[in-house]
Amino acid sequence: MLIAGFDIEHFEPVSLAPELKLDYDNLVYACRSCNALKGFNSIRNPLCVLLSDRVQIYEDGRIEGLHIEAKKLIDIMGLDDPAYQRRRHLIQRIVRLAYEHDTMLYRTLLGFPSDLPDLSRSLPPFNSRSKGIEESYFKKFQAGTLPEIY
């Protein structure tokens, strides 16, 4: 399924857990490249794994999993391949320059996208957590309470 340039992917593949196909906690937005790399592998939520103390990102762009879940995700997705290391190093340099010299560019680089999906349009049974809609990034954006950067 395509939404705003991203696919909706399943942590547990539908082929292995068809009963979780519409389970909100089994869904993640993923770029098409990551979606293809993940394939039929089961993974934990990348946001929980990669945006935690379970990984170390070095100045040269290398990434190291400090926990078994992070190591597995980095391996499955090939996140420490040399091409990703070079790209990550370049992005780190760009973000650092933007932070130091161009506040608007920094906010653009690290801010939420302007096309956040409106989950209120996905009503049950497709949205099994409709009470969580009010806590969504989209609603926070509308209310003006979403942080500028994440």
N, C-alpha and C. Protein backbone atom coordinates (compact mmCIF):
# COMPACT_ATOMS: atom_id res chain seq x y z
N MET A 1 0.85 -1.17 0.00
CA MET A 1 0.00 0.00 0.00
C MET A 1 0.89 1.23 0.00
N LEU A 2 0.58 2.21 -0.78
CA LEU A 2 1.40 3.40 -0.94
C LEU A 2 0.73 4.59 -0.28
N ILE A 3 1.46 5.28 0.59
CA ILE A 3 0.98 6.51 1.21
C ILE A 3 2.13 7.50 1.20
N ALA A 4 1.97 8.61 0.52
CA ALA A 4 2.92 9.72 0.54
C ALA A 4 4.36 9.28 0.31
N GLY A 5 4.60 8.42 -0.68
CA GLY A 5 5.96 8.03 -1.00
C GLY A 5 6.52 6.93 -0.13
N PHE A 6 5.74 6.46 0.79
CA PHE A 6 6.17 5.38 1.66
C PHE A 6 5.23 4.19 1.48
N ASP A 7 5.74 3.01 1.78
CA ASP A 7 4.90 1.82 1.81
C ASP A 7 4.51 1.56 3.25
N ILE A 8 3.38 0.92 3.44
CA ILE A 8 3.04 0.43 4.77
C ILE A 8 3.57 -0.99 4.82
N GLU A 9 4.48 -1.22 5.73
CA GLU A 9 5.15 -2.51 5.87
C GLU A 9 4.71 -3.15 7.19
N HIS A 10 4.92 -4.43 7.28
CA HIS A 10 4.56 -5.19 8.48
C HIS A 10 5.83 -5.68 9.18
N PHE A 11 5.90 -5.47 10.51
CA PHE A 11 7.03 -6.00 11.27
C PHE A 11 7.05 -7.52 11.15
N GLU A 12 5.90 -8.12 11.38
CA GLU A 12 5.74 -9.56 11.16
C GLU A 12 5.11 -9.71 9.79
N PRO A 13 5.79 -10.35 8.84
CA PRO A 13 5.26 -10.46 7.49
C PRO A 13 3.88 -11.14 7.47
N VAL A 14 3.03 -10.66 6.58
CA VAL A 14 1.68 -11.23 6.45
C VAL A 14 1.76 -12.71 6.11
N SER A 15 2.78 -13.11 5.36
CA SER A 15 2.93 -14.52 4.99
C SER A 15 3.16 -15.41 6.22
N LEU A 16 3.75 -14.85 7.29
CA LEU A 16 4.00 -15.62 8.51
C LEU A 16 2.93 -15.40 9.57
N ALA A 17 2.27 -14.24 9.53
CA ALA A 17 1.27 -13.91 10.55
C ALA A 17 0.09 -13.18 9.90
N PRO A 18 -0.72 -13.88 9.11
CA PRO A 18 -1.81 -13.22 8.41
C PRO A 18 -2.82 -12.55 9.34
N GLU A 19 -2.93 -13.05 10.56
CA GLU A 19 -3.87 -12.45 11.52
C GLU A 19 -3.45 -11.05 11.96
N LEU A 20 -2.18 -10.68 11.70
CA LEU A 20 -1.67 -9.36 12.09
C LEU A 20 -1.67 -8.36 10.93
N LYS A 21 -2.28 -8.74 9.81
CA LYS A 21 -2.26 -7.89 8.61
C LYS A 21 -2.76 -6.48 8.89
N LEU A 22 -3.81 -6.33 9.68
CA LEU A 22 -4.39 -5.01 9.94
C LEU A 22 -4.15 -4.54 11.36
N ASP A 23 -3.26 -5.22 12.08
CA ASP A 23 -2.96 -4.84 13.46
C ASP A 23 -2.05 -3.61 13.45
N TYR A 24 -2.52 -2.53 14.04
CA TYR A 24 -1.80 -1.26 14.03
C TYR A 24 -0.38 -1.41 14.54
N ASP A 25 -0.19 -2.20 15.59
CA ASP A 25 1.14 -2.37 16.18
C ASP A 25 2.07 -3.22 15.31
N ASN A 26 1.56 -3.75 14.21
CA ASN A 26 2.38 -4.52 13.29
C ASN A 26 2.71 -3.73 12.03
N LEU A 27 2.33 -2.46 11.99
CA LEU A 27 2.53 -1.64 10.79
C LEU A 27 3.59 -0.57 11.01
N VAL A 28 4.33 -0.29 9.95
CA VAL A 28 5.33 0.77 9.98
C VAL A 28 5.39 1.40 8.60
N TYR A 29 5.62 2.71 8.55
CA TYR A 29 5.89 3.37 7.28
C TYR A 29 7.33 3.10 6.93
N ALA A 30 7.56 2.67 5.70
CA ALA A 30 8.92 2.36 5.27
C ALA A 30 9.12 2.86 3.85
N CYS A 31 10.31 3.39 3.58
CA CYS A 31 10.60 3.75 2.20
C CYS A 31 10.65 2.46 1.38
N ARG A 32 10.49 2.59 0.09
CA ARG A 32 10.43 1.40 -0.76
C ARG A 32 11.72 0.58 -0.70
N SER A 33 12.85 1.26 -0.59
CA SER A 33 14.13 0.56 -0.52
C SER A 33 14.20 -0.32 0.74
N CYS A 34 13.85 0.27 1.89
CA CYS A 34 13.87 -0.50 3.14
C CYS A 34 12.84 -1.62 3.11
N ASN A 35 11.69 -1.33 2.54
CA ASN A 35 10.64 -2.34 2.44
C ASN A 35 11.15 -3.54 1.65
N ALA A 36 11.83 -3.28 0.54
CA ALA A 36 12.35 -4.37 -0.29
C ALA A 36 13.45 -5.15 0.44
N LEU A 37 14.32 -4.44 1.14
CA LEU A 37 15.40 -5.11 1.87
C LEU A 37 14.88 -5.98 3.00
N LYS A 38 13.86 -5.51 3.69
CA LYS A 38 13.29 -6.26 4.81
C LYS A 38 12.72 -7.58 4.33
N GLY A 39 12.07 -7.55 3.17
CA GLY A 39 11.51 -8.77 2.60
C GLY A 39 10.57 -9.49 3.56
N PHE A 40 10.81 -10.76 3.75
CA PHE A 40 9.94 -11.59 4.59
C PHE A 40 10.50 -11.79 5.99
N ASN A 41 11.49 -10.97 6.38
CA ASN A 41 12.07 -11.07 7.71
C ASN A 41 11.16 -10.42 8.75
N SER A 42 11.14 -10.98 9.94
CA SER A 42 10.46 -10.36 11.08
C SER A 42 11.46 -9.43 11.75
N ILE A 43 11.01 -8.21 12.05
CA ILE A 43 11.89 -7.26 12.72
C ILE A 43 11.13 -6.55 13.83
N ARG A 44 11.86 -5.97 14.76
CA ARG A 44 11.26 -5.09 15.76
C ARG A 44 11.12 -3.71 15.15
N ASN A 45 10.34 -2.87 15.77
CA ASN A 45 10.12 -1.51 15.29
C ASN A 45 11.47 -0.79 15.15
N PRO A 46 11.86 -0.42 13.92
CA PRO A 46 13.16 0.23 13.73
C PRO A 46 13.31 1.52 14.54
N LEU A 47 12.22 2.25 14.75
CA LEU A 47 12.32 3.47 15.55
C LEU A 47 12.71 3.16 16.98
N CYS A 48 12.16 2.09 17.52
CA CYS A 48 12.51 1.71 18.90
C CYS A 48 13.93 1.18 18.98
N VAL A 49 14.35 0.48 17.94
CA VAL A 49 15.68 -0.14 17.95
C VAL A 49 16.77 0.86 17.63
N LEU A 50 16.60 1.63 16.56
CA LEU A 50 17.68 2.50 16.07
C LEU A 50 17.75 3.85 16.77
N LEU A 51 16.64 4.33 17.32
CA LEU A 51 16.65 5.61 18.01
C LEU A 51 16.72 5.40 19.51
N SER A 52 17.64 4.58 19.91
CA SER A 52 17.80 4.27 21.33
C SER A 52 19.30 4.13 21.63
N ASP A 53 19.58 3.69 22.82
CA ASP A 53 20.98 3.47 23.18
C ASP A 53 21.47 2.11 22.69
N ARG A 54 20.72 1.49 21.80
CA ARG A 54 21.08 0.17 21.28
C ARG A 54 21.99 0.24 20.06
N VAL A 55 22.30 1.45 19.61
CA VAL A 55 23.20 1.62 18.48
C VAL A 55 24.21 2.73 18.77
N GLN A 56 25.33 2.62 18.10
CA GLN A 56 26.35 3.67 18.15
C GLN A 56 26.63 4.08 16.72
N ILE A 57 26.51 5.38 16.44
CA ILE A 57 26.84 5.90 15.12
C ILE A 57 28.10 6.72 15.27
N TYR A 58 29.10 6.38 14.47
CA TYR A 58 30.40 7.02 14.57
C TYR A 58 30.53 8.17 13.59
N GLU A 59 31.49 9.05 13.84
CA GLU A 59 31.72 10.23 12.99
C GLU A 59 31.98 9.86 11.53
N ASP A 60 32.57 8.70 11.30
CA ASP A 60 32.88 8.30 9.92
C ASP A 60 31.70 7.63 9.22
N GLY A 61 30.54 7.57 9.91
CA GLY A 61 29.34 7.02 9.29
C GLY A 61 29.06 5.57 9.60
N ARG A 62 30.00 4.90 10.28
CA ARG A 62 29.74 3.51 10.66
C ARG A 62 28.63 3.46 11.69
N ILE A 63 27.89 2.35 11.70
CA ILE A 63 26.86 2.13 12.70
C ILE A 63 27.09 0.75 13.31
N GLU A 64 26.97 0.68 14.62
CA GLU A 64 27.22 -0.58 15.33
C GLU A 64 26.04 -0.89 16.24
N GLY A 65 25.54 -2.10 16.14
CA GLY A 65 24.49 -2.55 17.04
C GLY A 65 25.08 -2.95 18.37
N LEU A 66 24.54 -2.40 19.45
CA LEU A 66 25.03 -2.70 20.79
C LEU A 66 24.11 -3.70 21.49
N HIS A 67 23.09 -4.13 20.81
CA HIS A 67 22.11 -5.06 21.34
C HIS A 67 21.76 -6.03 20.22
N ILE A 68 21.37 -7.24 20.56
CA ILE A 68 21.11 -8.25 19.54
C ILE A 68 20.05 -7.81 18.53
N GLU A 69 19.00 -7.09 18.99
CA GLU A 69 17.96 -6.61 18.07
C GLU A 69 18.53 -5.60 17.08
N ALA A 70 19.37 -4.71 17.56
CA ALA A 70 19.98 -3.71 16.69
C ALA A 70 20.93 -4.38 15.70
N LYS A 71 21.72 -5.32 16.17
CA LYS A 71 22.63 -6.04 15.27
C LYS A 71 21.85 -6.74 14.16
N LYS A 72 20.73 -7.39 14.53
CA LYS A 72 19.92 -8.10 13.55
C LYS A 72 19.35 -7.13 12.51
N LEU A 73 18.82 -6.01 12.97
CA LEU A 73 18.22 -5.04 12.05
C LEU A 73 19.29 -4.45 11.12
N ILE A 74 20.43 -4.10 11.67
CA ILE A 74 21.52 -3.54 10.87
C ILE A 74 21.98 -4.55 9.83
N ASP A 75 22.03 -5.83 10.20
CA ASP A 75 22.44 -6.87 9.28
C ASP A 75 21.39 -7.08 8.17
N ILE A 76 20.12 -7.23 8.56
CA ILE A 76 19.05 -7.46 7.57
C ILE A 76 18.98 -6.32 6.57
N MET A 77 19.06 -5.10 7.07
CA MET A 77 18.90 -3.93 6.21
C MET A 77 20.20 -3.48 5.56
N GLY A 78 21.33 -4.11 5.92
CA GLY A 78 22.61 -3.73 5.34
C GLY A 78 23.02 -2.31 5.69
N LEU A 79 22.64 -1.85 6.89
CA LEU A 79 22.85 -0.45 7.26
C LEU A 79 24.30 -0.06 7.49
N ASP A 80 25.20 -1.03 7.61
CA ASP A 80 26.60 -0.68 7.78
C ASP A 80 27.44 -0.97 6.54
N ASP A 81 26.77 -1.17 5.42
CA ASP A 81 27.50 -1.35 4.17
C ASP A 81 28.28 -0.08 3.86
N PRO A 82 29.42 -0.18 3.17
CA PRO A 82 30.24 1.00 2.87
C PRO A 82 29.48 2.15 2.20
N ALA A 83 28.56 1.83 1.29
CA ALA A 83 27.81 2.90 0.63
C ALA A 83 26.95 3.65 1.64
N TYR A 84 26.31 2.94 2.57
CA TYR A 84 25.51 3.60 3.61
C TYR A 84 26.41 4.38 4.57
N GLN A 85 27.59 3.85 4.86
CA GLN A 85 28.53 4.57 5.73
C GLN A 85 28.90 5.91 5.11
N ARG A 86 29.23 5.90 3.82
CA ARG A 86 29.60 7.14 3.13
C ARG A 86 28.42 8.12 3.11
N ARG A 87 27.23 7.61 2.82
CA ARG A 87 26.04 8.46 2.77
C ARG A 87 25.74 9.03 4.16
N ARG A 88 25.85 8.20 5.19
CA ARG A 88 25.58 8.65 6.56
C ARG A 88 26.59 9.72 6.98
N HIS A 89 27.85 9.52 6.64
CA HIS A 89 28.89 10.49 6.97
C HIS A 89 28.60 11.83 6.28
N LEU A 90 28.22 11.78 5.01
CA LEU A 90 27.89 12.99 4.27
C LEU A 90 26.69 13.70 4.91
N ILE A 91 25.66 12.95 5.25
CA ILE A 91 24.47 13.55 5.86
C ILE A 91 24.82 14.16 7.21
N GLN A 92 25.66 13.49 7.99
CA GLN A 92 26.08 14.05 9.28
C GLN A 92 26.77 15.40 9.08
N ARG A 93 27.63 15.48 8.08
CA ARG A 93 28.34 16.73 7.80
C ARG A 93 27.36 17.82 7.36
N ILE A 94 26.41 17.48 6.50
CA ILE A 94 25.42 18.45 6.03
C ILE A 94 24.57 18.96 7.19
N VAL A 95 24.10 18.06 8.04
CA VAL A 95 23.27 18.45 9.18
C VAL A 95 24.07 19.34 10.13
N ARG A 96 25.33 18.99 10.37
CA ARG A 96 26.16 19.81 11.25
C ARG A 96 26.34 21.22 10.68
N LEU A 97 26.61 21.32 9.38
CA LEU A 97 26.74 22.64 8.74
C LEU A 97 25.44 23.43 8.80
N ALA A 98 24.32 22.75 8.56
CA ALA A 98 23.02 23.43 8.63
C ALA A 98 22.76 23.92 10.04
N TYR A 99 23.06 23.11 11.03
CA TYR A 99 22.86 23.50 12.43
C TYR A 99 23.67 24.76 12.76
N GLU A 100 24.90 24.79 12.26
CA GLU A 100 25.80 25.90 12.58
C GLU A 100 25.53 27.16 11.76
N HIS A 101 24.97 27.00 10.53
CA HIS A 101 24.91 28.14 9.63
C HIS A 101 23.54 28.45 9.00
N ASP A 102 22.59 27.54 9.08
CA ASP A 102 21.31 27.77 8.39
C ASP A 102 20.18 27.08 9.14
N THR A 103 19.58 27.81 10.06
CA THR A 103 18.55 27.26 10.93
C THR A 103 17.37 26.70 10.14
N MET A 104 16.93 27.39 9.10
CA MET A 104 15.79 26.91 8.31
C MET A 104 16.12 25.60 7.61
N LEU A 105 17.32 25.49 7.06
CA LEU A 105 17.73 24.25 6.42
C LEU A 105 17.80 23.13 7.46
N TYR A 106 18.31 23.42 8.63
CA TYR A 106 18.37 22.42 9.71
C TYR A 106 16.98 21.92 10.06
N ARG A 107 16.02 22.82 10.19
CA ARG A 107 14.64 22.43 10.51
C ARG A 107 14.04 21.59 9.37
N THR A 108 14.38 21.95 8.14
CA THR A 108 13.88 21.19 7.00
C THR A 108 14.46 19.78 6.99
N LEU A 109 15.73 19.66 7.29
CA LEU A 109 16.39 18.35 7.27
C LEU A 109 15.91 17.43 8.39
N LEU A 110 15.67 17.98 9.56
CA LEU A 110 15.32 17.15 10.72
C LEU A 110 13.88 17.30 11.17
N GLY A 111 13.10 18.03 10.42
CA GLY A 111 11.70 18.22 10.78
C GLY A 111 10.81 17.13 10.23
N PHE A 112 9.59 17.13 10.71
CA PHE A 112 8.60 16.18 10.22
C PHE A 112 8.18 16.58 8.81
N PRO A 113 7.84 15.61 7.97
CA PRO A 113 7.40 15.95 6.61
C PRO A 113 6.05 16.68 6.65
N SER A 114 5.81 17.47 5.63
CA SER A 114 4.56 18.23 5.58
C SER A 114 3.38 17.36 5.16
N ASP A 115 3.64 16.17 4.66
CA ASP A 115 2.56 15.30 4.18
C ASP A 115 2.30 14.13 5.12
N LEU A 116 2.27 14.42 6.42
CA LEU A 116 1.95 13.38 7.39
C LEU A 116 0.56 12.81 7.10
N PRO A 117 0.38 11.49 7.19
CA PRO A 117 -0.93 10.91 6.86
C PRO A 117 -1.96 11.19 7.94
N ASP A 118 -3.19 11.40 7.51
CA ASP A 118 -4.32 11.62 8.42
C ASP A 118 -4.93 10.26 8.73
N LEU A 119 -4.57 9.71 9.88
CA LEU A 119 -5.03 8.37 10.24
C LEU A 119 -6.51 8.32 10.58
N SER A 120 -7.13 9.46 10.78
CA SER A 120 -8.56 9.46 11.11
C SER A 120 -9.39 8.96 9.94
N ARG A 121 -8.83 8.97 8.75
CA ARG A 121 -9.54 8.44 7.58
C ARG A 121 -9.56 6.93 7.56
N SER A 122 -8.69 6.30 8.34
CA SER A 122 -8.64 4.84 8.43
C SER A 122 -9.41 4.42 9.66
N LEU A 123 -10.68 4.18 9.50
CA LEU A 123 -11.53 3.82 10.62
C LEU A 123 -11.55 2.30 10.81
N PRO A 124 -11.92 1.84 12.00
CA PRO A 124 -12.00 0.39 12.24
C PRO A 124 -12.84 -0.26 11.15
N PRO A 125 -12.51 -1.48 10.72
CA PRO A 125 -11.51 -2.38 11.29
C PRO A 125 -10.10 -2.12 10.79
N PHE A 126 -9.92 -1.18 9.86
CA PHE A 126 -8.59 -0.94 9.32
C PHE A 126 -7.68 -0.23 10.31
N ASN A 127 -8.22 0.58 11.17
CA ASN A 127 -7.44 1.23 12.22
C ASN A 127 -7.91 0.66 13.55
N SER A 128 -7.15 -0.27 14.08
CA SER A 128 -7.55 -0.95 15.31
C SER A 128 -7.30 -0.11 16.55
N ARG A 129 -6.69 1.07 16.40
CA ARG A 129 -6.41 1.93 17.55
C ARG A 129 -6.94 3.34 17.28
N SER A 130 -8.20 3.43 16.93
CA SER A 130 -8.76 4.73 16.55
C SER A 130 -8.70 5.73 17.70
N LYS A 131 -8.65 5.27 18.95
CA LYS A 131 -8.53 6.20 20.08
C LYS A 131 -7.16 6.88 20.08
N GLY A 132 -6.18 6.27 19.43
CA GLY A 132 -4.84 6.84 19.36
C GLY A 132 -4.69 7.92 18.31
N ILE A 133 -5.73 8.14 17.52
CA ILE A 133 -5.65 9.15 16.46
C ILE A 133 -5.32 10.52 17.04
N GLU A 134 -5.89 10.85 18.18
CA GLU A 134 -5.65 12.16 18.78
C GLU A 134 -4.20 12.34 19.21
N GLU A 135 -3.47 11.22 19.38
CA GLU A 135 -2.06 11.28 19.76
C GLU A 135 -1.13 11.20 18.55
N SER A 136 -1.69 11.11 17.35
CA SER A 136 -0.88 10.93 16.15
C SER A 136 -0.09 12.20 15.84
N TYR A 137 0.99 12.04 15.09
CA TYR A 137 1.79 13.20 14.67
C TYR A 137 0.95 14.17 13.85
N PHE A 138 0.04 13.64 13.03
CA PHE A 138 -0.80 14.48 12.20
C PHE A 138 -1.64 15.42 13.08
N LYS A 139 -2.29 14.86 14.10
CA LYS A 139 -3.12 15.68 14.99
C LYS A 139 -2.26 16.66 15.79
N LYS A 140 -1.06 16.23 16.21
CA LYS A 140 -0.17 17.14 16.93
C LYS A 140 0.27 18.28 16.01
N PHE A 141 0.50 17.96 14.74
CA PHE A 141 0.87 18.99 13.77
C PHE A 141 -0.27 19.99 13.62
N GLN A 142 -1.51 19.49 13.47
CA GLN A 142 -2.68 20.36 13.33
C GLN A 142 -2.86 21.26 14.56
N ALA A 143 -2.57 20.70 15.74
CA ALA A 143 -2.77 21.45 16.98
C ALA A 143 -1.60 22.39 17.29
N GLY A 144 -0.53 22.29 16.50
CA GLY A 144 0.64 23.12 16.73
C GLY A 144 1.50 22.66 17.89
N THR A 145 1.37 21.38 18.29
CA THR A 145 2.14 20.86 19.42
C THR A 145 3.23 19.88 18.99
N LEU A 146 3.38 19.67 17.69
CA LEU A 146 4.42 18.79 17.20
C LEU A 146 5.75 19.52 17.25
N PRO A 147 6.80 18.93 17.82
CA PRO A 147 8.10 19.62 17.85
C PRO A 147 8.58 19.93 16.43
N GLU A 148 9.41 20.95 16.31
CA GLU A 148 9.93 21.33 14.99
C GLU A 148 10.81 20.24 14.40
N ILE A 149 11.59 19.59 15.24
CA ILE A 149 12.48 18.53 14.77
C ILE A 149 12.28 17.30 15.64
N TYR A 150 12.67 16.16 15.10
CA TYR A 150 12.59 14.92 15.87
C TYR A 150 13.95 14.31 16.01
